[in-house]
PDB file of N, CA and C in Angstrom:
ATOM      1  N   UNK A   1       2.064 -17.016  -0.487  1.00  0.00           N
ATOM      2  CA  UNK A   1       2.510 -15.639  -0.509  1.00  0.00           C
ATOM      3  C   UNK A   1       3.140 -15.352  -1.867  1.00  0.00           C
ATOM      4  N   UNK A   2       2.978 -14.136  -2.349  1.00  0.00           N
ATOM      5  CA  UNK A   2       3.499 -13.721  -3.639  1.00  0.00           C
ATOM      6  C   UNK A   2       4.997 -13.517  -3.554  1.00  0.00           C
ATOM      7  N   UNK A   3       5.761 -14.200  -4.409  1.00  0.00           N
ATOM      8  CA  UNK A   3       7.193 -13.975  -4.490  1.00  0.00           C
ATOM      9  C   UNK A   3       7.614 -13.990  -5.947  1.00  0.00           C
ATOM     10  N   UNK A   4       8.532 -13.118  -6.303  1.00  0.00           N
ATOM     11  CA  UNK A   4       9.111 -13.077  -7.650  1.00  0.00           C
ATOM     12  C   UNK A   4      10.600 -12.820  -7.490  1.00  0.00           C
ATOM     13  N   UNK A   5      11.311 -12.689  -8.625  1.00  0.00           N
ATOM     14  CA  UNK A   5      12.746 -12.435  -8.553  1.00  0.00           C
ATOM     15  C   UNK A   5      13.022 -11.172  -7.744  1.00  0.00           C
ATOM     16  N   UNK A   6      14.210 -11.099  -7.158  1.00  0.00           N
ATOM     17  CA  UNK A   6      14.559  -9.965  -6.308  1.00  0.00           C
ATOM     18  C   UNK A   6      14.440  -8.631  -7.038  1.00  0.00           C
ATOM     19  N   UNK A   7      14.928  -8.547  -8.272  1.00  0.00           N
ATOM     20  CA  UNK A   7      14.889  -7.288  -9.006  1.00  0.00           C
ATOM     21  C   UNK A   7      13.465  -6.853  -9.271  1.00  0.00           C
ATOM     22  N   UNK A   8      12.661  -7.737  -9.793  1.00  0.00           N
ATOM     23  CA  UNK A   8      11.273  -7.392 -10.080  1.00  0.00           C
ATOM     24  C   UNK A   8      10.524  -7.109  -8.786  1.00  0.00           C
ATOM     25  N   UNK A   9      10.774  -7.904  -7.769  1.00  0.00           N
ATOM     26  CA  UNK A   9      10.090  -7.743  -6.507  1.00  0.00           C
ATOM     27  C   UNK A   9      10.371  -6.362  -5.908  1.00  0.00           C
ATOM     28  N   UNK A  10      11.614  -5.928  -5.930  1.00  0.00           N
ATOM     29  CA  UNK A  10      11.976  -4.630  -5.365  1.00  0.00           C
ATOM     30  C   UNK A  10      11.295  -3.498  -6.120  1.00  0.00           C
ATOM     31  N   UNK A  11      11.365  -3.518  -7.429  1.00  0.00           N
ATOM     32  CA  UNK A  11      10.754  -2.463  -8.226  1.00  0.00           C
ATOM     33  C   UNK A  11       9.241  -2.473  -8.087  1.00  0.00           C
ATOM     34  N   UNK A  12       8.660  -3.637  -8.078  1.00  0.00           N
ATOM     35  CA  UNK A  12       7.210  -3.757  -7.949  1.00  0.00           C
ATOM     36  C   UNK A  12       6.743  -3.209  -6.609  1.00  0.00           C
ATOM     37  N   UNK A  13       7.433  -3.571  -5.543  1.00  0.00           N
ATOM     38  CA  UNK A  13       7.049  -3.119  -4.211  1.00  0.00           C
ATOM     39  C   UNK A  13       7.132  -1.608  -4.068  1.00  0.00           C
ATOM     40  N   UNK A  14       8.156  -1.010  -4.671  1.00  0.00           N
ATOM     41  CA  UNK A  14       8.277   0.446  -4.600  1.00  0.00           C
ATOM     42  C   UNK A  14       7.049   1.113  -5.186  1.00  0.00           C
ATOM     43  N   UNK A  15       6.475   0.499  -6.206  1.00  0.00           N
ATOM     44  CA  UNK A  15       5.318   1.079  -6.864  1.00  0.00           C
ATOM     45  C   UNK A  15       4.009   0.878  -6.135  1.00  0.00           C
ATOM     46  N   UNK A  16       3.899  -0.168  -5.340  1.00  0.00           N
ATOM     47  CA  UNK A  16       2.611  -0.468  -4.711  1.00  0.00           C
ATOM     48  C   UNK A  16       2.599  -0.332  -3.187  1.00  0.00           C
ATOM     49  N   UNK A  17       3.756  -0.190  -2.580  1.00  0.00           N
ATOM     50  CA  UNK A  17       3.801  -0.128  -1.120  1.00  0.00           C
ATOM     51  C   UNK A  17       3.055   1.097  -0.582  1.00  0.00           C
ATOM     52  N   UNK A  18       3.183   2.230  -1.261  1.00  0.00           N
ATOM     53  CA  UNK A  18       2.451   3.423  -0.841  1.00  0.00           C
ATOM     54  C   UNK A  18       0.952   3.155  -0.851  1.00  0.00           C
ATOM     55  N   UNK A  19       0.468   2.515  -1.897  1.00  0.00           N
ATOM     56  CA  UNK A  19      -0.947   2.165  -1.991  1.00  0.00           C
ATOM     57  C   UNK A  19      -1.350   1.256  -0.830  1.00  0.00           C
ATOM     58  N   UNK A  20      -0.561   0.233  -0.559  1.00  0.00           N
ATOM     59  CA  UNK A  20      -0.881  -0.704   0.520  1.00  0.00           C
ATOM     60  C   UNK A  20      -0.960  -0.001   1.871  1.00  0.00           C
ATOM     61  N   UNK A  21      -0.004   0.878   2.148  1.00  0.00           N
ATOM     62  CA  UNK A  21       0.019   1.601   3.428  1.00  0.00           C
ATOM     63  C   UNK A  21      -1.204   2.496   3.552  1.00  0.00           C
ATOM     64  N   UNK A  22      -1.524   3.239   2.497  1.00  0.00           N
ATOM     65  CA  UNK A  22      -2.679   4.133   2.562  1.00  0.00           C
ATOM     66  C   UNK A  22      -3.986   3.354   2.714  1.00  0.00           C
ATOM     67  N   UNK A  23      -4.093   2.214   2.066  1.00  0.00           N
ATOM     68  CA  UNK A  23      -5.288   1.373   2.209  1.00  0.00           C
ATOM     69  C   UNK A  23      -5.422   0.891   3.654  1.00  0.00           C
ATOM     70  N   UNK A  24      -4.323   0.410   4.237  1.00  0.00           N
ATOM     71  CA  UNK A  24      -4.369  -0.048   5.635  1.00  0.00           C
ATOM     72  C   UNK A  24      -4.762   1.083   6.574  1.00  0.00           C
ATOM     73  N   UNK A  25      -4.162   2.256   6.379  1.00  0.00           N
ATOM     74  CA  UNK A  25      -4.442   3.379   7.272  1.00  0.00           C
ATOM     75  C   UNK A  25      -5.842   3.936   7.076  1.00  0.00           C
ATOM     76  N   UNK A  26      -6.435   3.704   5.913  1.00  0.00           N
ATOM     77  CA  UNK A  26      -7.819   4.123   5.712  1.00  0.00           C
ATOM     78  C   UNK A  26      -8.766   3.205   6.489  1.00  0.00           C
ATOM     79  N   UNK A  27      -8.323   1.989   6.768  1.00  0.00           N
ATOM     80  CA  UNK A  27      -9.128   1.050   7.561  1.00  0.00           C
ATOM     81  C   UNK A  27      -9.009   1.335   9.057  1.00  0.00           C
ATOM     82  N   UNK A  28      -7.768   1.648   9.497  1.00  0.00           N
ATOM     83  CA  UNK A  28      -7.540   1.908  10.925  1.00  0.00           C
ATOM     84  C   UNK A  28      -6.161   2.516  11.112  1.00  0.00           C
ATOM     85  N   UNK A  29      -5.977   3.226  12.213  1.00  0.00           N
ATOM     86  CA  UNK A  29      -4.664   3.747  12.574  1.00  0.00           C
ATOM     87  C   UNK A  29      -3.766   2.566  12.932  1.00  0.00           C
ATOM     88  N   UNK A  30      -2.498   2.635  12.531  1.00  0.00           N
ATOM     89  CA  UNK A  30      -1.557   1.539  12.786  1.00  0.00           C
ATOM     90  C   UNK A  30      -0.200   2.097  13.172  1.00  0.00           C
ATOM     91  N   UNK A  31       0.602   1.282  13.848  1.00  0.00           N
ATOM     92  CA  UNK A  31       1.998   1.613  14.062  1.00  0.00           C
ATOM     93  C   UNK A  31       2.818   0.866  13.013  1.00  0.00           C
ATOM     94  N   UNK A  32       4.062   1.282  12.829  1.00  0.00           N
ATOM     95  CA  UNK A  32       4.874   0.774  11.728  1.00  0.00           C
ATOM     96  C   UNK A  32       4.981  -0.733  11.651  1.00  0.00           C
ATOM     97  N   UNK A  33       5.375  -1.375  12.746  1.00  0.00           N
ATOM     98  CA  UNK A  33       5.559  -2.828  12.718  1.00  0.00           C
ATOM     99  C   UNK A  33       4.247  -3.551  12.412  1.00  0.00           C
ATOM    100  N   UNK A  34       3.138  -2.996  12.890  1.00  0.00           N
ATOM    101  CA  UNK A  34       1.822  -3.582  12.612  1.00  0.00           C
ATOM    102  C   UNK A  34       1.547  -3.569  11.106  1.00  0.00           C
ATOM    103  N   UNK A  35       1.934  -2.471  10.431  1.00  0.00           N
ATOM    104  CA  UNK A  35       1.747  -2.394   8.976  1.00  0.00           C
ATOM    105  C   UNK A  35       2.615  -3.423   8.258  1.00  0.00           C
ATOM    106  N   UNK A  36       3.850  -3.573   8.726  1.00  0.00           N
ATOM    107  CA  UNK A  36       4.743  -4.571   8.134  1.00  0.00           C
ATOM    108  C   UNK A  36       4.122  -5.956   8.248  1.00  0.00           C
ATOM    109  N   UNK A  37       3.598  -6.296   9.420  1.00  0.00           N
ATOM    110  CA  UNK A  37       2.973  -7.608   9.620  1.00  0.00           C
ATOM    111  C   UNK A  37       1.779  -7.802   8.693  1.00  0.00           C
ATOM    112  N   UNK A  38       0.923  -6.778   8.579  1.00  0.00           N
ATOM    113  CA  UNK A  38      -0.270  -6.873   7.718  1.00  0.00           C
ATOM    114  C   UNK A  38       0.122  -7.064   6.255  1.00  0.00           C
ATOM    115  N   UNK A  39       1.022  -6.232   5.777  1.00  0.00           N
ATOM    116  CA  UNK A  39       1.435  -6.311   4.366  1.00  0.00           C
ATOM    117  C   UNK A  39       2.156  -7.621   4.098  1.00  0.00           C
ATOM    118  N   UNK A  40       2.991  -8.067   5.051  1.00  0.00           N
ATOM    119  CA  UNK A  40       3.771  -9.295   4.865  1.00  0.00           C
ATOM    120  C   UNK A  40       2.908 -10.554   4.802  1.00  0.00           C
ATOM    121  N   UNK A  41       1.671 -10.453   5.178  1.00  0.00           N
ATOM    122  CA  UNK A  41       0.777 -11.614   5.028  1.00  0.00           C
ATOM    123  C   UNK A  41       0.510 -11.902   3.555  1.00  0.00           C
ATOM    124  N   UNK A  42       0.729 -10.903   2.701  1.00  0.00           N
ATOM    125  CA  UNK A  42       0.452 -11.053   1.273  1.00  0.00           C
ATOM    126  C   UNK A  42       1.668 -10.805   0.385  1.00  0.00           C
ATOM    127  N   UNK A  43       2.528  -9.890   0.807  1.00  0.00           N
ATOM    128  CA  UNK A  43       3.715  -9.525   0.040  1.00  0.00           C
ATOM    129  C   UNK A  43       4.871  -9.472   1.019  1.00  0.00           C
ATOM    130  N   UNK A  44       5.978 -10.143   0.713  1.00  0.00           N
ATOM    131  CA  UNK A  44       7.114 -10.105   1.630  1.00  0.00           C
ATOM    132  C   UNK A  44       7.778  -8.741   1.578  1.00  0.00           C
ATOM    133  N   UNK A  45       7.860  -8.070   2.722  1.00  0.00           N
ATOM    134  CA  UNK A  45       8.618  -6.827   2.846  1.00  0.00           C
ATOM    135  C   UNK A  45       9.405  -6.883   4.140  1.00  0.00           C
ATOM    136  N   UNK A  46      10.483  -6.135   4.190  1.00  0.00           N
ATOM    137  CA  UNK A  46      11.253  -6.063   5.435  1.00  0.00           C
ATOM    138  C   UNK A  46      10.791  -4.844   6.224  1.00  0.00           C
ATOM    139  N   UNK A  47      11.033  -4.885   7.505  1.00  0.00           N
ATOM    140  CA  UNK A  47      10.603  -3.793   8.391  1.00  0.00           C
ATOM    141  C   UNK A  47      11.225  -2.463   7.982  1.00  0.00           C
ATOM    142  N   UNK A  48      12.454  -2.502   7.498  1.00  0.00           N
ATOM    143  CA  UNK A  48      13.157  -1.280   7.135  1.00  0.00           C
ATOM    144  C   UNK A  48      12.584  -0.536   5.945  1.00  0.00           C
ATOM    145  N   UNK A  49      11.753  -1.187   5.153  1.00  0.00           N
ATOM    146  CA  UNK A  49      11.217  -0.523   3.962  1.00  0.00           C
ATOM    147  C   UNK A  49      10.062   0.417   4.280  1.00  0.00           C
ATOM    148  N   UNK A  50       9.395   0.217   5.387  1.00  0.00           N
ATOM    149  CA  UNK A  50       8.175   0.965   5.667  1.00  0.00           C
ATOM    150  C   UNK A  50       8.452   2.347   6.262  1.00  0.00           C
ATOM    151  N   UNK A  51       9.498   2.471   7.065  1.00  0.00           N
ATOM    152  CA  UNK A  51       9.718   3.726   7.790  1.00  0.00           C
ATOM    153  C   UNK A  51      10.122   4.899   6.901  1.00  0.00           C
ATOM    154  N   UNK A  52      10.980   4.719   5.914  1.00  0.00           N
ATOM    155  CA  UNK A  52      11.245   5.844   5.001  1.00  0.00           C
ATOM    156  C   UNK A  52       9.979   6.278   4.246  1.00  0.00           C
ATOM    157  N   UNK A  53       9.154   5.324   3.881  1.00  0.00           N
ATOM    158  CA  UNK A  53       7.898   5.643   3.199  1.00  0.00           C
ATOM    159  C   UNK A  53       6.972   6.428   4.120  1.00  0.00           C
ATOM    160  N   UNK A  54       6.841   5.999   5.368  1.00  0.00           N
ATOM    161  CA  UNK A  54       5.984   6.714   6.325  1.00  0.00           C
ATOM    162  C   UNK A  54       6.478   8.142   6.542  1.00  0.00           C
ATOM    163  N   UNK A  55       7.789   8.313   6.601  1.00  0.00           N
ATOM    164  CA  UNK A  55       8.347   9.655   6.757  1.00  0.00           C
ATOM    165  C   UNK A  55       7.968  10.532   5.568  1.00  0.00           C
ATOM    166  N   UNK A  56       8.086   9.988   4.352  1.00  0.00           N
ATOM    167  CA  UNK A  56       7.726  10.747   3.152  1.00  0.00           C
ATOM    168  C   UNK A  56       6.238  11.067   3.131  1.00  0.00           C
ATOM    169  N   UNK A  57       5.399  10.091   3.462  1.00  0.00           N
ATOM    170  CA  UNK A  57       3.954  10.317   3.479  1.00  0.00           C
ATOM    171  C   UNK A  57       3.586  11.400   4.490  1.00  0.00           C
ATOM    172  N   UNK A  58       4.284  11.416   5.613  1.00  0.00           N
ATOM    173  CA  UNK A  58       4.036  12.444   6.632  1.00  0.00           C
ATOM    174  C   UNK A  58       4.472  13.814   6.115  1.00  0.00           C
ATOM    175  N   UNK A  59       5.630  13.885   5.485  1.00  0.00           N
ATOM    176  CA  UNK A  59       6.125  15.143   4.916  1.00  0.00           C
ATOM    177  C   UNK A  59       5.158  15.687   3.867  1.00  0.00           C
ATOM    178  N   UNK A  60       4.553  14.796   3.085  1.00  0.00           N
ATOM    179  CA  UNK A  60       3.619  15.200   2.028  1.00  0.00           C
ATOM    180  C   UNK A  60       2.217  15.505   2.564  1.00  0.00           C
ATOM    181  N   UNK A  61       2.005  15.307   3.864  1.00  0.00           N
ATOM    182  CA  UNK A  61       0.709  15.601   4.466  1.00  0.00           C
ATOM    183  C   UNK A  61      -0.347  14.534   4.226  1.00  0.00           C
ATOM    184  N   UNK A  62       0.085  13.339   3.827  1.00  0.00           N
ATOM    185  CA  UNK A  62      -0.851  12.251   3.558  1.00  0.00           C
ATOM    186  C   UNK A  62      -1.196  11.468   4.824  1.00  0.00           C
ATOM    187  N   UNK A  63      -0.310  11.523   5.816  1.00  0.00           N
ATOM    188  CA  UNK A  63      -0.549  10.882   7.113  1.00  0.00           C
ATOM    189  C   UNK A  63      -0.058  11.814   8.210  1.00  0.00           C
ATOM    190  N   UNK A  64      -0.550  11.595   9.412  1.00  0.00           N
ATOM    191  CA  UNK A  64      -0.040  12.249  10.609  1.00  0.00           C
ATOM    192  C   UNK A  64       0.339  11.144  11.582  1.00  0.00           C
ATOM    193  N   UNK A  65       1.103  11.485  12.606  1.00  0.00           N
ATOM    194  CA  UNK A  65       1.467  10.485  13.603  1.00  0.00           C
ATOM    195  C   UNK A  65       1.161  11.014  14.991  1.00  0.00           C
ATOM    196  N   UNK A  66       0.982  10.082  15.906  1.00  0.00           N
ATOM    197  CA  UNK A  66       0.763  10.422  17.311  1.00  0.00           C
ATOM    198  C   UNK A  66       1.240   9.262  18.175  1.00  0.00           C
ATOM    199  N   UNK A  67       1.590   9.564  19.408  1.00  0.00           N
ATOM    200  CA  UNK A  67       2.027   8.528  20.337  1.00  0.00           C
ATOM    201  C   UNK A  67       0.829   7.998  21.116  1.00  0.00           C
ATOM    202  N   UNK A  68       0.834   6.692  21.338  1.00  0.00           N
ATOM    203  CA  UNK A  68      -0.230   6.039  22.096  1.00  0.00           C
ATOM    204  C   UNK A  68       0.418   5.061  23.062  1.00  0.00           C
ATOM    205  N   UNK A  69      -0.024   5.104  24.309  1.00  0.00           N
ATOM    206  CA  UNK A  69       0.512   4.195  25.311  1.00  0.00           C
ATOM    207  C   UNK A  69       0.295   2.743  24.884  1.00  0.00           C
ATOM    208  N   UNK A  70       1.250   1.894  25.245  1.00  0.00           N
ATOM    209  CA  UNK A  70       1.186   0.472  24.922  1.00  0.00           C
ATOM    210  C   UNK A  70       1.232  -0.344  26.207  1.00  0.00           C
ATOM    211  N   UNK A  71       0.464  -1.416  26.261  1.00  0.00           N
ATOM    212  CA  UNK A  71       0.495  -2.314  27.420  1.00  0.00           C
ATOM    213  C   UNK A  71       1.756  -3.171  27.401  1.00  0.00           C
ATOM    214  N   UNK A  72       2.404  -3.253  26.221  1.00  0.00           N
ATOM    215  CA  UNK A  72       3.563  -4.123  26.049  1.00  0.00           C
ATOM    216  C   UNK A  72       4.901  -3.402  26.152  1.00  0.00           C
ATOM    217  N   UNK A  73       4.911  -2.131  26.554  1.00  0.00           N
ATOM    218  CA  UNK A  73       6.173  -1.417  26.641  1.00  0.00           C
ATOM    219  C   UNK A  73       5.976   0.074  26.476  1.00  0.00           C
ATOM    220  N   UNK A  74       6.970   0.717  25.860  1.00  0.00           N
ATOM    221  CA  UNK A  74       6.894   2.174  25.695  1.00  0.00           C
ATOM    222  C   UNK A  74       5.780   2.575  24.724  1.00  0.00           C
ATOM    223  N   UNK A  75       5.420   3.853  24.706  1.00  0.00           N
ATOM    224  CA  UNK A  75       4.388   4.310  23.770  1.00  0.00           C
ATOM    225  C   UNK A  75       4.790   4.017  22.323  1.00  0.00           C
ATOM    226  N   UNK A  76       3.799   3.762  21.496  1.00  0.00           N
ATOM    227  CA  UNK A  76       4.039   3.479  20.083  1.00  0.00           C
ATOM    228  C   UNK A  76       3.608   4.669  19.247  1.00  0.00           C
ATOM    229  N   UNK A  77       4.327   4.874  18.129  1.00  0.00           N
ATOM    230  CA  UNK A  77       3.958   5.927  17.194  1.00  0.00           C
ATOM    231  C   UNK A  77       2.942   5.339  16.203  1.00  0.00           C
ATOM    232  N   UNK A  78       1.735   5.856  16.268  1.00  0.00           N
ATOM    233  CA  UNK A  78       0.678   5.436  15.359  1.00  0.00           C
ATOM    234  C   UNK A  78       0.571   6.431  14.211  1.00  0.00           C
ATOM    235  N   UNK A  79       0.141   5.917  13.069  1.00  0.00           N
ATOM    236  CA  UNK A  79      -0.060   6.750  11.887  1.00  0.00           C
ATOM    237  C   UNK A  79      -1.537   6.751  11.543  1.00  0.00           C
ATOM    238  N   UNK A  80      -1.998   7.912  11.073  1.00  0.00           N
ATOM    239  CA  UNK A  80      -3.403   8.108  10.715  1.00  0.00           C
ATOM    240  C   UNK A  80      -3.443   8.795   9.354  1.00  0.00           C
ATOM    241  N   UNK A  81      -4.299   8.319   8.481  1.00  0.00           N
ATOM    242  CA  UNK A  81      -4.431   8.920   7.157  1.00  0.00           C
ATOM    243  C   UNK A  81      -5.175  10.258   7.269  1.00  0.00           C
ATOM    244  N   UNK A  82      -4.779  11.226   6.457  1.00  0.00           N
ATOM    245  CA  UNK A  82      -5.449  12.527   6.419  1.00  0.00           C
ATOM    246  C   UNK A  82      -6.449  12.539   5.268  1.00  0.00           C
ATOM    247  N   UNK A  83      -7.224  13.602   5.171  1.00  0.00           N
ATOM    248  CA  UNK A  83      -8.151  13.727   4.029  1.00  0.00           C
ATOM    249  C   UNK A  83      -7.382  13.737   2.719  1.00  0.00           C
ATOM    250  N   UNK A  84      -6.247  14.428   2.687  1.00  0.00           N
ATOM    251  CA  UNK A  84      -5.406  14.441   1.491  1.00  0.00           C
ATOM    252  C   UNK A  84      -4.913  13.027   1.176  1.00  0.00           C
ATOM    253  N   UNK A  85      -4.573  12.273   2.224  1.00  0.00           N
ATOM    254  CA  UNK A  85      -4.151  10.888   2.057  1.00  0.00           C
ATOM    255  C   UNK A  85      -5.257  10.017   1.489  1.00  0.00           C
ATOM    256  N   UNK A  86      -6.493  10.262   1.936  1.00  0.00           N
ATOM    257  CA  UNK A  86      -7.636   9.492   1.410  1.00  0.00           C
ATOM    258  C   UNK A  86      -7.855   9.793  -0.068  1.00  0.00           C
ATOM    259  N   UNK A  87      -7.694  11.059  -0.438  1.00  0.00           N
ATOM    260  CA  UNK A  87      -7.828  11.423  -1.858  1.00  0.00           C
ATOM    261  C   UNK A  87      -6.744  10.740  -2.686  1.00  0.00           C
ATOM    262  N   UNK A  88      -5.516  10.745  -2.183  1.00  0.00           N
ATOM    263  CA  UNK A  88      -4.401  10.094  -2.876  1.00  0.00           C
ATOM    264  C   UNK A  88      -4.650   8.593  -2.982  1.00  0.00           C
ATOM    265  N   UNK A  89      -5.162   7.990  -1.909  1.00  0.00           N
ATOM    266  CA  UNK A  89      -5.448   6.549  -1.924  1.00  0.00           C
ATOM    267  C   UNK A  89      -6.468   6.212  -3.006  1.00  0.00           C
ATOM    268  N   UNK A  90      -7.538   7.010  -3.111  1.00  0.00           N
ATOM    269  CA  UNK A  90      -8.563   6.763  -4.126  1.00  0.00           C
ATOM    270  C   UNK A  90      -7.972   6.851  -5.532  1.00  0.00           C
ATOM    271  N   UNK A  91      -7.100   7.833  -5.741  1.00  0.00           N
ATOM    272  CA  UNK A  91      -6.444   7.979  -7.039  1.00  0.00           C
ATOM    273  C   UNK A  91      -5.568   6.764  -7.341  1.00  0.00           C
ATOM    274  N   UNK A  92      -4.787   6.337  -6.347  1.00  0.00           N
ATOM    275  CA  UNK A  92      -3.910   5.179  -6.540  1.00  0.00           C
ATOM    276  C   UNK A  92      -4.698   3.892  -6.771  1.00  0.00           C
ATOM    277  N   UNK A  93      -5.821   3.727  -6.069  1.00  0.00           N
ATOM    278  CA  UNK A  93      -6.661   2.534  -6.275  1.00  0.00           C
ATOM    279  C   UNK A  93      -7.183   2.503  -7.709  1.00  0.00           C
ATOM    280  N   UNK A  94      -7.647   3.638  -8.210  1.00  0.00           N
ATOM    281  CA  UNK A  94      -8.153   3.706  -9.586  1.00  0.00           C
ATOM    282  C   UNK A  94      -7.037   3.387 -10.582  1.00  0.00           C
ATOM    283  N   UNK A  95      -5.851   3.960 -10.348  1.00  0.00           N
ATOM    284  CA  UNK A  95      -4.717   3.678 -11.228  1.00  0.00           C
ATOM    285  C   UNK A  95      -4.327   2.207 -11.165  1.00  0.00           C
ATOM    286  N   UNK A  96      -4.331   1.627  -9.959  1.00  0.00           N
ATOM    287  CA  UNK A  96      -3.981   0.216  -9.805  1.00  0.00           C
ATOM    288  C   UNK A  96      -4.983  -0.664 -10.557  1.00  0.00           C
ATOM    289  N   UNK A  97      -6.270  -0.384 -10.403  1.00  0.00           N
ATOM    290  CA  UNK A  97      -7.285  -1.196 -11.074  1.00  0.00           C
ATOM    291  C   UNK A  97      -7.119  -1.154 -12.584  1.00  0.00           C
ATOM    292  N   UNK A  98      -6.846   0.020 -13.118  1.00  0.00           N
ATOM    293  CA  UNK A  98      -6.642   0.150 -14.567  1.00  0.00           C
ATOM    294  C   UNK A  98      -5.389  -0.604 -15.005  1.00  0.00           C
ATOM    295  N   UNK A  99      -4.320  -0.468 -14.233  1.00  0.00           N
ATOM    296  CA  UNK A  99      -3.074  -1.158 -14.528  1.00  0.00           C
ATOM    297  C   UNK A  99      -3.258  -2.673 -14.478  1.00  0.00           C
ATOM    298  N   UNK A 100      -3.887  -3.166 -13.413  1.00  0.00           N
ATOM    299  CA  UNK A 100      -4.087  -4.611 -13.245  1.00  0.00           C
ATOM    300  C   UNK A 100      -4.955  -5.178 -14.361  1.00  0.00           C
ATOM    301  N   UNK A 101      -5.975  -4.417 -14.772  1.00  0.00           N
ATOM    302  CA  UNK A 101      -6.831  -4.865 -15.871  1.00  0.00           C
ATOM    303  C   UNK A 101      -6.013  -4.964 -17.158  1.00  0.00           C
ATOM    304  N   UNK A 102      -5.175  -3.988 -17.416  1.00  0.00           N
ATOM    305  CA  UNK A 102      -4.338  -4.013 -18.618  1.00  0.00           C
ATOM    306  C   UNK A 102      -3.379  -5.195 -18.627  1.00  0.00           C
ATOM    307  N   UNK A 103      -2.747  -5.468 -17.496  1.00  0.00           N
ATOM    308  CA  UNK A 103      -1.835  -6.608 -17.408  1.00  0.00           C
ATOM    309  C   UNK A 103      -2.603  -7.908 -17.611  1.00  0.00           C
ATOM    310  N   UNK A 104      -3.763  -8.033 -16.978  1.00  0.00           N
ATOM    311  CA  UNK A 104      -4.579  -9.248 -17.152  1.00  0.00           C
ATOM    312  C   UNK A 104      -4.984  -9.426 -18.604  1.00  0.00           C
ATOM    313  N   UNK A 105      -5.351  -8.342 -19.257  1.00  0.00           N
ATOM    314  CA  UNK A 105      -5.708  -8.421 -20.673  1.00  0.00           C
ATOM    315  C   UNK A 105      -4.551  -8.976 -21.497  1.00  0.00           C
ATOM    316  N   UNK A 106      -3.342  -8.478 -21.223  1.00  0.00           N
ATOM    317  CA  UNK A 106      -2.173  -8.969 -21.954  1.00  0.00           C
ATOM    318  C   UNK A 106      -1.857 -10.419 -21.618  1.00  0.00           C
ATOM    319  N   UNK A 107      -1.925 -10.768 -20.342  1.00  0.00           N
ATOM    320  CA  UNK A 107      -1.599 -12.126 -19.927  1.00  0.00           C
ATOM    321  C   UNK A 107      -2.541 -13.169 -20.520  1.00  0.00           C
ATOM    322  N   UNK A 108      -3.807 -12.815 -20.600  1.00  0.00           N
ATOM    323  CA  UNK A 108      -4.811 -13.794 -21.010  1.00  0.00           C
ATOM    324  C   UNK A 108      -5.377 -13.509 -22.390  1.00  0.00           C
ATOM    325  N   UNK A 109      -4.683 -12.631 -23.143  1.00  0.00           N
ATOM    326  CA  UNK A 109      -5.042 -12.342 -24.530  1.00  0.00           C
ATOM    327  C   UNK A 109      -6.517 -11.999 -24.681  1.00  0.00           C
ATOM    328  N   UNK A 110      -6.961 -11.031 -23.913  1.00  0.00           N
ATOM    329  CA  UNK A 110      -8.343 -10.585 -23.978  1.00  0.00           C
ATOM    330  C   UNK A 110      -8.371  -9.070 -23.869  1.00  0.00           C
ATOM    331  N   UNK A 111      -9.515  -8.516 -24.115  1.00  0.00           N
ATOM    332  CA  UNK A 111      -9.669  -7.076 -24.013  1.00  0.00           C
ATOM    333  C   UNK A 111     -10.900  -6.784 -23.170  1.00  0.00           C
ATOM    334  N   UNK A 112     -10.681  -6.552 -21.879  1.00  0.00           N
ATOM    335  CA  UNK A 112     -11.771  -6.255 -20.958  1.00  0.00           C
ATOM    336  C   UNK A 112     -11.596  -4.812 -20.508  1.00  0.00           C
ATOM    337  N   UNK A 113     -12.642  -4.002 -20.676  1.00  0.00           N
ATOM    338  CA  UNK A 113     -12.527  -2.611 -20.244  1.00  0.00           C
ATOM    339  C   UNK A 113     -12.913  -2.481 -18.774  1.00  0.00           C
ATOM    340  N   UNK A 114     -12.820  -1.268 -18.241  1.00  0.00           N
ATOM    341  CA  UNK A 114     -13.059  -1.036 -16.817  1.00  0.00           C
ATOM    342  C   UNK A 114     -14.502  -1.320 -16.407  1.00  0.00           C
ATOM    343  N   UNK A 115     -15.424  -1.351 -17.378  1.00  0.00           N
ATOM    344  CA  UNK A 115     -16.827  -1.666 -17.056  1.00  0.00           C
ATOM    345  C   UNK A 115     -17.104  -3.165 -17.140  1.00  0.00           C
ATOM    346  N   UNK A 116     -16.087  -3.963 -17.494  1.00  0.00           N
ATOM    347  CA  UNK A 116     -16.250  -5.412 -17.552  1.00  0.00           C
ATOM    348  C   UNK A 116     -16.676  -5.929 -18.910  1.00  0.00           C
ATOM    349  N   UNK A 117     -16.744  -5.064 -19.928  1.00  0.00           N
ATOM    350  CA  UNK A 117     -17.082  -5.495 -21.278  1.00  0.00           C
ATOM    351  C   UNK A 117     -15.887  -6.201 -21.881  1.00  0.00           C
ATOM    352  N   UNK A 118     -16.131  -7.330 -22.521  1.00  0.00           N
ATOM    353  CA  UNK A 118     -15.039  -8.166 -23.025  1.00  0.00           C
ATOM    354  C   UNK A 118     -15.154  -8.325 -24.537  1.00  0.00           C
ATOM    355  N   UNK A 119     -14.047  -8.066 -25.241  1.00  0.00           N
ATOM    356  CA  UNK A 119     -13.939  -8.320 -26.673  1.00  0.00           C
ATOM    357  C   UNK A 119     -12.876  -9.391 -26.863  1.00  0.00           C
ATOM    358  N   UNK A 120     -13.296 -10.637 -27.152  1.00  0.00           N
ATOM    359  CA  UNK A 120     -12.287 -11.704 -27.346  1.00  0.00           C
ATOM    360  C   UNK A 120     -12.248 -12.123 -28.784  1.00  0.00           C
TER     361      UNK A 120
END
């Protein structure tokens, strides 16, 4: 699992958690704890970090929520990505890919553009 210093980890997560949530919701509707479990398989996050983000995404019209009966207890609040959310996700994915390519170029002292052309 990816771990870094607390300061870097907190700032980094703030920047990518929205992307991770939108990507998950584009795959399937999820409830909050389910998203925490999915994301935590790759990046450590606490349960408390996801709910303020979901509230903001809902306010911005990027997701909607609905209640669904659960076999394990009370109904769960599920989140579903909207068309606006899908557009935002695509934009964030493109920005992430460009950012990750730039960081990789710096880390490995190379110059690879978005089409995969390399100038070393």
